[in-house]
PDB file of N, CA and C in Angstrom:
ATOM      1  N   MET A   1      10.545 -19.376  -4.338  1.00  0.00           N
ATOM      2  CA  MET A   1       9.901 -20.177  -3.315  1.00  0.00           C
ATOM      3  C   MET A   1       8.670 -20.875  -3.733  1.00  0.00           C
ATOM      4  N   LEU A   2       7.748 -20.053  -4.358  1.00  0.00           N
ATOM      5  CA  LEU A   2       6.497 -20.602  -4.935  1.00  0.00           C
ATOM      6  C   LEU A   2       6.794 -21.725  -5.984  1.00  0.00           C
ATOM      7  N   ARG A   3       7.704 -21.403  -6.836  1.00  0.00           N
ATOM      8  CA  ARG A   3       8.040 -22.360  -7.889  1.00  0.00           C
ATOM      9  C   ARG A   3       8.511 -23.632  -7.252  1.00  0.00           C
ATOM     10  N   ALA A   4       9.344 -23.654  -6.243  1.00  0.00           N
ATOM     11  CA  ALA A   4       9.808 -24.895  -5.538  1.00  0.00           C
ATOM     12  C   ALA A   4       8.631 -25.626  -4.971  1.00  0.00           C
ATOM     13  N   PHE A   5       7.688 -24.915  -4.355  1.00  0.00           N
ATOM     14  CA  PHE A   5       6.461 -25.471  -3.795  1.00  0.00           C
ATOM     15  C   PHE A   5       5.651 -26.197  -4.833  1.00  0.00           C
ATOM     16  N   VAL A   6       5.441 -25.473  -5.938  1.00  0.00           N
ATOM     17  CA  VAL A   6       4.587 -26.098  -7.043  1.00  0.00           C
ATOM     18  C   VAL A   6       5.325 -27.352  -7.609  1.00  0.00           C
ATOM     19  N   LEU A   7       6.563 -27.220  -7.849  1.00  0.00           N
ATOM     20  CA  LEU A   7       7.335 -28.413  -8.360  1.00  0.00           C
ATOM     21  C   LEU A   7       7.304 -29.569  -7.412  1.00  0.00           C
ATOM     22  N   ALA A   8       7.371 -29.271  -6.128  1.00  0.00           N
ATOM     23  CA  ALA A   8       7.338 -30.370  -5.051  1.00  0.00           C
ATOM     24  C   ALA A   8       5.922 -31.006  -5.048  1.00  0.00           C
ATOM     25  N   ALA A   9       4.899 -30.191  -5.130  1.00  0.00           N
ATOM     26  CA  ALA A   9       3.585 -30.641  -5.176  1.00  0.00           C
ATOM     27  C   ALA A   9       3.318 -31.572  -6.381  1.00  0.00           C
ATOM     28  N   LEU A  10       3.845 -31.170  -7.515  1.00  0.00           N
ATOM     29  CA  LEU A  10       3.671 -31.955  -8.723  1.00  0.00           C
ATOM     30  C   LEU A  10       4.377 -33.284  -8.677  1.00  0.00           C
ATOM     31  N   ALA A  11       5.580 -33.211  -8.114  1.00  0.00           N
ATOM     32  CA  ALA A  11       6.384 -34.418  -7.970  1.00  0.00           C
ATOM     33  C   ALA A  11       5.724 -35.433  -7.048  1.00  0.00           C
ATOM     34  N   LEU A  12       5.024 -34.995  -6.036  1.00  0.00           N
ATOM     35  CA  LEU A  12       4.374 -35.860  -5.103  1.00  0.00           C
ATOM     36  C   LEU A  12       2.966 -36.280  -5.544  1.00  0.00           C
ATOM     37  N   ALA A  13       2.397 -35.636  -6.513  1.00  0.00           N
ATOM     38  CA  ALA A  13       1.001 -35.816  -6.895  1.00  0.00           C
ATOM     39  C   ALA A  13       0.931 -37.237  -7.686  1.00  0.00           C
ATOM     40  N   PRO A  14      -0.100 -37.944  -7.448  1.00  0.00           N
ATOM     41  CA  PRO A  14      -0.299 -39.204  -8.184  1.00  0.00           C
ATOM     42  C   PRO A  14      -0.361 -38.914  -9.681  1.00  0.00           C
ATOM     43  N   VAL A  15       0.118 -39.836 -10.514  1.00  0.00           N
ATOM     44  CA  VAL A  15       0.190 -39.562 -12.023  1.00  0.00           C
ATOM     45  C   VAL A  15      -1.229 -39.254 -12.497  1.00  0.00           C
ATOM     46  N   GLY A  16      -2.230 -39.912 -12.026  1.00  0.00           N
ATOM     47  CA  GLY A  16      -3.592 -39.694 -12.502  1.00  0.00           C
ATOM     48  C   GLY A  16      -4.163 -38.335 -12.126  1.00  0.00           C
ATOM     49  N   ALA A  17      -3.558 -37.630 -11.196  1.00  0.00           N
ATOM     50  CA  ALA A  17      -4.038 -36.333 -10.684  1.00  0.00           C
ATOM     51  C   ALA A  17      -3.640 -35.199 -11.676  1.00  0.00           C
ATOM     52  N   LEU A  18      -2.635 -35.477 -12.445  1.00  0.00           N
ATOM     53  CA  LEU A  18      -2.207 -34.418 -13.436  1.00  0.00           C
ATOM     54  C   LEU A  18      -3.106 -34.436 -14.715  1.00  0.00           C
ATOM     55  N   ALA A  19      -3.569 -33.282 -15.076  1.00  0.00           N
ATOM     56  CA  ALA A  19      -4.432 -33.239 -16.209  1.00  0.00           C
ATOM     57  C   ALA A  19      -3.621 -33.304 -17.496  1.00  0.00           C
ATOM     58  N   GLU A  20      -4.167 -33.874 -18.539  1.00  0.00           N
ATOM     59  CA  GLU A  20      -3.510 -33.905 -19.824  1.00  0.00           C
ATOM     60  C   GLU A  20      -3.439 -32.474 -20.339  1.00  0.00           C
ATOM     61  N   ALA A  21      -2.405 -32.196 -21.014  1.00  0.00           N
ATOM     62  CA  ALA A  21      -2.320 -30.841 -21.651  1.00  0.00           C
ATOM     63  C   ALA A  21      -3.188 -30.811 -22.815  1.00  0.00           C
ATOM     64  N   GLY A  22      -3.984 -29.796 -22.922  1.00  0.00           N
ATOM     65  CA  GLY A  22      -4.819 -29.612 -24.134  1.00  0.00           C
ATOM     66  C   GLY A  22      -4.106 -28.849 -25.220  1.00  0.00           C
ATOM     67  N   SER A  23      -4.760 -28.471 -26.229  1.00  0.00           N
ATOM     68  CA  SER A  23      -4.097 -27.664 -27.238  1.00  0.00           C
ATOM     69  C   SER A  23      -5.028 -26.483 -27.717  1.00  0.00           C
ATOM     70  N   ALA A  24      -4.502 -25.468 -28.193  1.00  0.00           N
ATOM     71  CA  ALA A  24      -5.222 -24.334 -28.765  1.00  0.00           C
ATOM     72  C   ALA A  24      -4.316 -23.581 -29.732  1.00  0.00           C
ATOM     73  N   ASP A  25      -4.987 -22.891 -30.624  1.00  0.00           N
ATOM     74  CA  ASP A  25      -4.202 -22.083 -31.628  1.00  0.00           C
ATOM     75  C   ASP A  25      -3.427 -20.972 -30.821  1.00  0.00           C
ATOM     76  N   TYR A  26      -2.257 -20.633 -31.268  1.00  0.00           N
ATOM     77  CA  TYR A  26      -1.527 -19.475 -30.688  1.00  0.00           C
ATOM     78  C   TYR A  26      -2.179 -18.265 -31.253  1.00  0.00           C
ATOM     79  N   ALA A  27      -1.904 -17.118 -30.568  1.00  0.00           N
ATOM     80  CA  ALA A  27      -2.512 -15.877 -30.944  1.00  0.00           C
ATOM     81  C   ALA A  27      -1.414 -14.844 -30.998  1.00  0.00           C
ATOM     82  N   TYR A  28      -1.548 -13.855 -31.955  1.00  0.00           N
ATOM     83  CA  TYR A  28      -0.634 -12.782 -31.949  1.00  0.00           C
ATOM     84  C   TYR A  28      -1.043 -11.770 -30.798  1.00  0.00           C
ATOM     85  N   VAL A  29       0.018 -11.137 -30.233  1.00  0.00           N
ATOM     86  CA  VAL A  29      -0.287 -10.250 -29.138  1.00  0.00           C
ATOM     87  C   VAL A  29      -1.245  -9.046 -29.526  1.00  0.00           C
ATOM     88  N   SER A  30      -1.050  -8.658 -30.818  1.00  0.00           N
ATOM     89  CA  SER A  30      -1.902  -7.551 -31.248  1.00  0.00           C
ATOM     90  C   SER A  30      -3.410  -7.967 -31.279  1.00  0.00           C
ATOM     91  N   ALA A  31      -3.607  -9.217 -31.606  1.00  0.00           N
ATOM     92  CA  ALA A  31      -5.076  -9.669 -31.660  1.00  0.00           C
ATOM     93  C   ALA A  31      -5.646  -9.803 -30.287  1.00  0.00           C
ATOM     94  N   LEU A  32      -4.818 -10.228 -29.364  1.00  0.00           N
ATOM     95  CA  LEU A  32      -5.254 -10.312 -27.945  1.00  0.00           C
ATOM     96  C   LEU A  32      -5.549  -8.925 -27.355  1.00  0.00           C
ATOM     97  N   ALA A  33      -4.614  -8.005 -27.701  1.00  0.00           N
ATOM     98  CA  ALA A  33      -4.853  -6.631 -27.177  1.00  0.00           C
ATOM     99  C   ALA A  33      -6.157  -6.048 -27.710  1.00  0.00           C
ATOM    100  N   ALA A  34      -6.426  -6.331 -29.023  1.00  0.00           N
ATOM    101  CA  ALA A  34      -7.642  -5.843 -29.696  1.00  0.00           C
ATOM    102  C   ALA A  34      -8.890  -6.429 -29.005  1.00  0.00           C
ATOM    103  N   GLU A  35      -8.727  -7.658 -28.493  1.00  0.00           N
ATOM    104  CA  GLU A  35      -9.864  -8.334 -27.800  1.00  0.00           C
ATOM    105  C   GLU A  35     -10.016  -7.960 -26.303  1.00  0.00           C
ATOM    106  N   GLY A  36      -9.211  -7.039 -25.851  1.00  0.00           N
ATOM    107  CA  GLY A  36      -9.273  -6.567 -24.498  1.00  0.00           C
ATOM    108  C   GLY A  36      -8.448  -7.272 -23.498  1.00  0.00           C
ATOM    109  N   PHE A  37      -7.493  -8.043 -23.888  1.00  0.00           N
ATOM    110  CA  PHE A  37      -6.587  -8.692 -23.008  1.00  0.00           C
ATOM    111  C   PHE A  37      -5.548  -7.658 -22.503  1.00  0.00           C
ATOM    112  N   GLU A  38      -5.150  -7.816 -21.233  1.00  0.00           N
ATOM    113  CA  GLU A  38      -4.226  -6.872 -20.664  1.00  0.00           C
ATOM    114  C   GLU A  38      -2.910  -7.562 -20.326  1.00  0.00           C
ATOM    115  N   PRO A  39      -1.754  -6.861 -20.541  1.00  0.00           N
ATOM    116  CA  PRO A  39      -0.440  -7.461 -20.270  1.00  0.00           C
ATOM    117  C   PRO A  39      -0.219  -7.580 -18.723  1.00  0.00           C
ATOM    118  N   PHE A  40       0.532  -8.596 -18.377  1.00  0.00           N
ATOM    119  CA  PHE A  40       1.011  -8.783 -17.038  1.00  0.00           C
ATOM    120  C   PHE A  40       2.415  -9.268 -17.000  1.00  0.00           C
ATOM    121  N   ALA A  41       3.162  -8.969 -15.998  1.00  0.00           N
ATOM    122  CA  ALA A  41       4.585  -9.381 -15.936  1.00  0.00           C
ATOM    123  C   ALA A  41       4.711 -10.803 -15.535  1.00  0.00           C
ATOM    124  N   VAL A  42       5.750 -11.445 -16.011  1.00  0.00           N
ATOM    125  CA  VAL A  42       6.057 -12.872 -15.593  1.00  0.00           C
ATOM    126  C   VAL A  42       7.529 -12.860 -15.215  1.00  0.00           C
ATOM    127  N   SER A  43       7.940 -13.889 -14.610  1.00  0.00           N
ATOM    128  CA  SER A  43       9.331 -14.051 -14.063  1.00  0.00           C
ATOM    129  C   SER A  43      10.075 -14.993 -15.060  1.00  0.00           C
ATOM    130  N   GLN A  44      10.033 -14.650 -16.340  1.00  0.00           N
ATOM    131  CA  GLN A  44      10.742 -15.479 -17.364  1.00  0.00           C
ATOM    132  C   GLN A  44      10.346 -16.964 -17.286  1.00  0.00           C
ATOM    133  N   VAL A  45       9.150 -17.225 -16.868  1.00  0.00           N
ATOM    134  CA  VAL A  45       8.672 -18.584 -16.738  1.00  0.00           C
ATOM    135  C   VAL A  45       8.682 -19.168 -18.176  1.00  0.00           C
ATOM    136  N   GLY A  46       9.295 -20.238 -18.438  1.00  0.00           N
ATOM    137  CA  GLY A  46       9.317 -20.854 -19.755  1.00  0.00           C
ATOM    138  C   GLY A  46       9.906 -19.931 -20.835  1.00  0.00           C
ATOM    139  N   ASN A  47      10.695 -18.930 -20.454  1.00  0.00           N
ATOM    140  CA  ASN A  47      11.296 -17.947 -21.362  1.00  0.00           C
ATOM    141  C   ASN A  47      10.255 -17.004 -21.986  1.00  0.00           C
ATOM    142  N   ALA A  48       9.061 -16.909 -21.338  1.00  0.00           N
ATOM    143  CA  ALA A  48       8.064 -15.939 -21.841  1.00  0.00           C
ATOM    144  C   ALA A  48       8.524 -14.558 -21.593  1.00  0.00           C
ATOM    145  N   SER A  49       8.186 -13.613 -22.502  1.00  0.00           N
ATOM    146  CA  SER A  49       8.520 -12.175 -22.376  1.00  0.00           C
ATOM    147  C   SER A  49       7.562 -11.524 -21.379  1.00  0.00           C
ATOM    148  N   PHE A  50       6.255 -11.877 -21.470  1.00  0.00           N
ATOM    149  CA  PHE A  50       5.249 -11.309 -20.611  1.00  0.00           C
ATOM    150  C   PHE A  50       4.000 -12.183 -20.857  1.00  0.00           C
ATOM    151  N   GLY A  51       2.947 -11.844 -20.095  1.00  0.00           N
ATOM    152  CA  GLY A  51       1.653 -12.552 -20.303  1.00  0.00           C
ATOM    153  C   GLY A  51       0.499 -11.617 -20.695  1.00  0.00           C
ATOM    154  N   MET A  52      -0.601 -12.120 -21.153  1.00  0.00           N
ATOM    155  CA  MET A  52      -1.790 -11.430 -21.523  1.00  0.00           C
ATOM    156  C   MET A  52      -2.965 -12.073 -20.812  1.00  0.00           C
ATOM    157  N   ARG A  53      -3.761 -11.248 -20.089  1.00  0.00           N
ATOM    158  CA  ARG A  53      -4.883 -11.833 -19.370  1.00  0.00           C
ATOM    159  C   ARG A  53      -6.185 -11.111 -19.578  1.00  0.00           C
ATOM    160  N   LYS A  54      -7.290 -11.875 -19.597  1.00  0.00           N
ATOM    161  CA  LYS A  54      -8.652 -11.290 -19.598  1.00  0.00           C
ATOM    162  C   LYS A  54      -9.517 -12.273 -18.824  1.00  0.00           C
ATOM    163  N   GLY A  55      -9.981 -11.861 -17.641  1.00  0.00           N
ATOM    164  CA  GLY A  55     -10.707 -12.780 -16.831  1.00  0.00           C
ATOM    165  C   GLY A  55      -9.873 -13.939 -16.440  1.00  0.00           C
ATOM    166  N   ALA A  56     -10.348 -15.150 -16.618  1.00  0.00           N
ATOM    167  CA  ALA A  56      -9.646 -16.306 -16.250  1.00  0.00           C
ATOM    168  C   ALA A  56      -8.703 -16.879 -17.347  1.00  0.00           C
ATOM    169  N   GLU A  57      -8.804 -16.257 -18.545  1.00  0.00           N
ATOM    170  CA  GLU A  57      -7.933 -16.654 -19.623  1.00  0.00           C
ATOM    171  C   GLU A  57      -6.603 -15.996 -19.571  1.00  0.00           C
ATOM    172  N   MET A  58      -5.506 -16.794 -19.678  1.00  0.00           N
ATOM    173  CA  MET A  58      -4.161 -16.217 -19.572  1.00  0.00           C
ATOM    174  C   MET A  58      -3.293 -16.857 -20.702  1.00  0.00           C
ATOM    175  N   TYR A  59      -2.533 -16.051 -21.296  1.00  0.00           N
ATOM    176  CA  TYR A  59      -1.624 -16.451 -22.359  1.00  0.00           C
ATOM    177  C   TYR A  59      -0.199 -16.053 -21.880  1.00  0.00           C
ATOM    178  N   LEU A  60       0.834 -16.848 -22.274  1.00  0.00           N
ATOM    179  CA  LEU A  60       2.185 -16.468 -22.147  1.00  0.00           C
ATOM    180  C   LEU A  60       2.686 -16.118 -23.554  1.00  0.00           C
ATOM    181  N   CYS A  61       3.509 -15.042 -23.621  1.00  0.00           N
ATOM    182  CA  CYS A  61       3.850 -14.500 -24.910  1.00  0.00           C
ATOM    183  C   CYS A  61       5.370 -14.599 -25.126  1.00  0.00           C
ATOM    184  N   PHE A  62       5.790 -14.914 -26.416  1.00  0.00           N
ATOM    185  CA  PHE A  62       7.180 -15.213 -26.703  1.00  0.00           C
ATOM    186  C   PHE A  62       7.509 -14.490 -27.971  1.00  0.00           C
ATOM    187  N   ILE A  63       8.749 -14.007 -28.079  1.00  0.00           N
ATOM    188  CA  ILE A  63       9.258 -13.478 -29.296  1.00  0.00           C
ATOM    189  C   ILE A  63       9.740 -14.595 -30.213  1.00  0.00           C
ATOM    190  N   ILE A  64       9.209 -14.579 -31.481  1.00  0.00           N
ATOM    191  CA  ILE A  64       9.624 -15.615 -32.397  1.00  0.00           C
ATOM    192  C   ILE A  64      10.306 -14.960 -33.644  1.00  0.00           C
ATOM    193  N   ASP A  65      11.455 -14.433 -33.408  1.00  0.00           N
ATOM    194  CA  ASP A  65      12.163 -13.719 -34.433  1.00  0.00           C
ATOM    195  C   ASP A  65      13.183 -14.609 -35.204  1.00  0.00           C
ATOM    196  N   THR A  66      13.675 -14.055 -36.301  1.00  0.00           N
ATOM    197  CA  THR A  66      14.763 -14.714 -37.045  1.00  0.00           C
ATOM    198  C   THR A  66      15.937 -13.865 -36.967  1.00  0.00           C
ATOM    199  N   ASN A  67      17.110 -14.577 -37.172  1.00  0.00           N
ATOM    200  CA  ASN A  67      18.415 -13.815 -37.177  1.00  0.00           C
ATOM    201  C   ASN A  67      18.471 -12.800 -38.286  1.00  0.00           C
ATOM    202  N   GLU A  68      17.861 -13.148 -39.504  1.00  0.00           N
ATOM    203  CA  GLU A  68      17.853 -12.217 -40.588  1.00  0.00           C
ATOM    204  C   GLU A  68      17.097 -10.898 -40.292  1.00  0.00           C
ATOM    205  N   ASN A  69      15.957 -11.078 -39.595  1.00  0.00           N
ATOM    206  CA  ASN A  69      15.109  -9.900 -39.312  1.00  0.00           C
ATOM    207  C   ASN A  69      15.832  -9.027 -38.258  1.00  0.00           C
ATOM    208  N   GLN A  70      16.433  -9.691 -37.256  1.00  0.00           N
ATOM    209  CA  GLN A  70      17.138  -8.968 -36.261  1.00  0.00           C
ATOM    210  C   GLN A  70      18.320  -8.163 -36.813  1.00  0.00           C
ATOM    211  N   THR A  71      19.024  -8.842 -37.773  1.00  0.00           N
ATOM    212  CA  THR A  71      20.175  -8.116 -38.481  1.00  0.00           C
ATOM    213  C   THR A  71      19.676  -6.983 -39.261  1.00  0.00           C
ATOM    214  N   ARG A  72      18.499  -7.138 -40.000  1.00  0.00           N
ATOM    215  CA  ARG A  72      17.999  -6.027 -40.805  1.00  0.00           C
ATOM    216  C   ARG A  72      17.574  -4.825 -39.919  1.00  0.00           C
ATOM    217  N   ARG A  73      16.922  -5.111 -38.774  1.00  0.00           N
ATOM    218  CA  ARG A  73      16.552  -4.025 -37.905  1.00  0.00           C
ATOM    219  C   ARG A  73      17.734  -3.322 -37.364  1.00  0.00           C
ATOM    220  N   GLN A  74      18.813  -4.086 -36.906  1.00  0.00           N
ATOM    221  CA  GLN A  74      20.023  -3.491 -36.389  1.00  0.00           C
ATOM    222  C   GLN A  74      20.698  -2.602 -37.435  1.00  0.00           C
ATOM    223  N   THR A  75      20.807  -3.153 -38.667  1.00  0.00           N
ATOM    224  CA  THR A  75      21.440  -2.367 -39.757  1.00  0.00           C
ATOM    225  C   THR A  75      20.739  -1.063 -39.953  1.00  0.00           C
ATOM    226  N   VAL A  76      19.466  -1.077 -40.123  1.00  0.00           N
ATOM    227  CA  VAL A  76      18.636   0.168 -40.331  1.00  0.00           C
ATOM    228  C   VAL A  76      18.786   1.117 -39.187  1.00  0.00           C
ATOM    229  N   LEU A  77      18.730   0.675 -37.939  1.00  0.00           N
ATOM    230  CA  LEU A  77      18.770   1.496 -36.822  1.00  0.00           C
ATOM    231  C   LEU A  77      20.137   2.087 -36.582  1.00  0.00           C
ATOM    232  N   LEU A  78      21.158   1.346 -36.865  1.00  0.00           N
ATOM    233  CA  LEU A  78      22.582   1.884 -36.808  1.00  0.00           C
ATOM    234  C   LEU A  78      22.803   2.919 -37.869  1.00  0.00           C
ATOM    235  N   ALA A  79      22.236   2.647 -39.079  1.00  0.00           N
ATOM    236  CA  ALA A  79      22.359   3.652 -40.129  1.00  0.00           C
ATOM    237  C   ALA A  79      21.574   4.984 -39.791  1.00  0.00           C
ATOM    238  N   GLU A  80      20.493   4.799 -39.096  1.00  0.00           N
ATOM    239  CA  GLU A  80      19.718   5.973 -38.630  1.00  0.00           C
ATOM    240  C   GLU A  80      20.529   6.789 -37.680  1.00  0.00           C
ATOM    241  N   LEU A  81      21.193   6.083 -36.712  1.00  0.00           N
ATOM    242  CA  LEU A  81      22.024   6.824 -35.758  1.00  0.00           C
ATOM    243  C   LEU A  81      23.080   7.542 -36.433  1.00  0.00           C
ATOM    244  N   ALA A  82      23.689   6.972 -37.555  1.00  0.00           N
ATOM    245  CA  ALA A  82      24.735   7.646 -38.284  1.00  0.00           C
ATOM    246  C   ALA A  82      24.238   8.722 -39.272  1.00  0.00           C
ATOM    247  N   GLY A  83      22.929   8.846 -39.380  1.00  0.00           N
ATOM    248  CA  GLY A  83      22.341   9.845 -40.281  1.00  0.00           C
ATOM    249  C   GLY A  83      22.343   9.364 -41.743  1.00  0.00           C
ATOM    250  N   LYS A  84      22.462   8.092 -41.941  1.00  0.00           N
ATOM    251  CA  LYS A  84      22.525   7.548 -43.257  1.00  0.00           C
ATOM    252  C   LYS A  84      21.477   6.516 -43.702  1.00  0.00           C
ATOM    253  N   ALA A  85      20.356   6.505 -42.976  1.00  0.00           N
ATOM    254  CA  ALA A  85      19.301   5.528 -43.265  1.00  0.00           C
ATOM    255  C   ALA A  85      18.444   6.052 -44.357  1.00  0.00           C
ATOM    256  N   PRO A  86      18.510   5.303 -45.578  1.00  0.00           N
ATOM    257  CA  PRO A  86      17.724   5.741 -46.702  1.00  0.00           C
ATOM    258  C   PRO A  86      16.242   5.324 -46.489  1.00  0.00           C
ATOM    259  N   ASP A  87      15.898   4.415 -45.629  1.00  0.00           N
ATOM    260  CA  ASP A  87      14.641   3.853 -45.436  1.00  0.00           C
ATOM    261  C   ASP A  87      14.402   3.534 -43.953  1.00  0.00           C
ATOM    262  N   ARG A  88      13.253   3.906 -43.468  1.00  0.00           N
ATOM    263  CA  ARG A  88      12.899   3.610 -42.044  1.00  0.00           C
ATOM    264  C   ARG A  88      12.169   2.321 -41.822  1.00  0.00           C
ATOM    265  N   ALA A  89      11.819   1.630 -42.872  1.00  0.00           N
ATOM    266  CA  ALA A  89      11.061   0.372 -42.838  1.00  0.00           C
ATOM    267  C   ALA A  89      11.952  -0.731 -42.173  1.00  0.00           C
ATOM    268  N   VAL A  90      11.423  -1.383 -41.159  1.00  0.00           N
ATOM    269  CA  VAL A  90      12.145  -2.544 -40.589  1.00  0.00           C
ATOM    270  C   VAL A  90      11.111  -3.629 -40.389  1.00  0.00           C
ATOM    271  N   PRO A  91      11.558  -4.942 -40.286  1.00  0.00           N
ATOM    272  CA  PRO A  91      10.635  -6.008 -40.028  1.00  0.00           C
ATOM    273  C   PRO A  91      10.015  -5.856 -38.598  1.00  0.00           C
ATOM    274  N   ASN A  92       8.765  -6.181 -38.534  1.00  0.00           N
ATOM    275  CA  ASN A  92       8.131  -6.209 -37.239  1.00  0.00           C
ATOM    276  C   ASN A  92       8.736  -7.223 -36.309  1.00  0.00           C
ATOM    277  N   ILE A  93       8.565  -7.123 -34.960  1.00  0.00           N
ATOM    278  CA  ILE A  93       8.997  -8.154 -34.070  1.00  0.00           C
ATOM    279  C   ILE A  93       7.818  -9.045 -33.796  1.00  0.00           C
ATOM    280  N   PRO A  94       7.843 -10.249 -34.239  1.00  0.00           N
ATOM    281  CA  PRO A  94       6.657 -11.145 -34.012  1.00  0.00           C
ATOM    282  C   PRO A  94       6.590 -11.625 -32.538  1.00  0.00           C
ATOM    283  N   LEU A  95       5.395 -11.406 -31.892  1.00  0.00           N
ATOM    284  CA  LEU A  95       5.124 -11.907 -30.569  1.00  0.00           C
ATOM    285  C   LEU A  95       3.949 -12.812 -30.674  1.00  0.00           C
ATOM    286  N   VAL A  96       4.094 -14.040 -30.189  1.00  0.00           N
ATOM    287  CA  VAL A  96       2.909 -14.927 -30.268  1.00  0.00           C
ATOM    288  C   VAL A  96       2.660 -15.360 -28.782  1.00  0.00           C
ATOM    289  N   CYS A  97       1.401 -15.656 -28.575  1.00  0.00           N
ATOM    290  CA  CYS A  97       0.995 -15.957 -27.177  1.00  0.00           C
ATOM    291  C   CYS A  97       0.321 -17.308 -27.206  1.00  0.00           C
ATOM    292  N   VAL A  98       0.629 -18.104 -26.209  1.00  0.00           N
ATOM    293  CA  VAL A  98       0.148 -19.483 -26.041  1.00  0.00           C
ATOM    294  C   VAL A  98      -0.700 -19.520 -24.823  1.00  0.00           C
ATOM    295  N   LEU A  99      -1.951 -20.125 -25.007  1.00  0.00           N
ATOM    296  CA  LEU A  99      -2.861 -20.262 -23.946  1.00  0.00           C
ATOM    297  C   LEU A  99      -2.327 -21.166 -22.859  1.00  0.00           C
ATOM    298  N   THR A 100      -2.549 -20.781 -21.599  1.00  0.00           N
ATOM    299  CA  THR A 100      -2.146 -21.609 -20.495  1.00  0.00           C
ATOM    300  C   THR A 100      -3.385 -22.372 -19.964  1.00  0.00           C
ATOM    301  N   GLN A 101      -3.146 -23.360 -19.177  1.00  0.00           N
ATOM    302  CA  GLN A 101      -4.280 -24.114 -18.552  1.00  0.00           C
ATOM    303  C   GLN A 101      -3.959 -24.510 -17.184  1.00  0.00           C
TER     304      GLN A 101
END
């Protein structure tokens, strides 16, 4: 409901009333957590996994994984379940967060 209201308001707003999108460097979720940002739930807005917030600053966070890394993790974890994992090292799951405005 809120999403529909926001979309309707944007559709009816004069073009000049919409702010230009700025830009900022993305941040890794671990860096934001170290800076005191706290996670918050999102409703899959823009396919985000979750958000991070500190005061008025908010980031939306996304998984940026590769098929190769997913396959490697799955192979190692399935081998572990079968009791045949020679190594427990797996690729980390990269989560990057983008500043909202």
